[in-house]
Amino acid sequence: MTLRGHKGPTSKTCTHRKYQLTCEDYDALVAHHHGRCGVCGIAADTAPMGLFIDHESVVGDWAVRGLLCNRCNSSLHHMSSPEAAAYLASPWYLTALPAKGLRLKAESEPPDGAVVHLPAQNLTWERTGRHWHCTNNARRRNPLSWRELNRRYGPFNIRVLST
């Protein structure tokens, strides 16, 4: 089965990590779709480029809708089929993440001087004025807004350490 970016449970380089998915989450996503495209139903083995992770970019990289073949991934928003409408109406993350006890909406922004931690990435961010600055990773130089922090890493990943 051709599953793009999944190298196994011990790999730290799986591309599904970009979407805040663990290997177990990714395996659950594949099982949910029975290893097939969520719209046309083509099997991963027969899809020319395998299956891709599809997400709602407006919500965030973590908002994974499902798996799509290249053709459906490229043309999803131009399709008018009942299958495409059903796929868009029931994104995977809306049921999978709450089932794990994870929240989907951001908490209100902590006050100036607050510190938050993202355990999955081992990142610590501190609020200074209107922006959040990463304090333990020199490669993350650009400050982020609270909205962008939640959009990029998922609201369920953020733990407030101090306010």
Foldseek 3Di string as FASTA:
>chain_A
DDDPQDDDQVDPRRPCVQLVAHSVNVVVLCVVLVQAAQQPGHHQVPQPRGWDFDADPVQASNRTQGIHGPVCNVCLVVDDDPSSVVSVVHGPCVPVQVVVVFDQDADPDDDAQWWKAQVVVRWIWHHHPQWIQTDPDPVRGDTDGPSVVCRRNNRRRIGTDGD
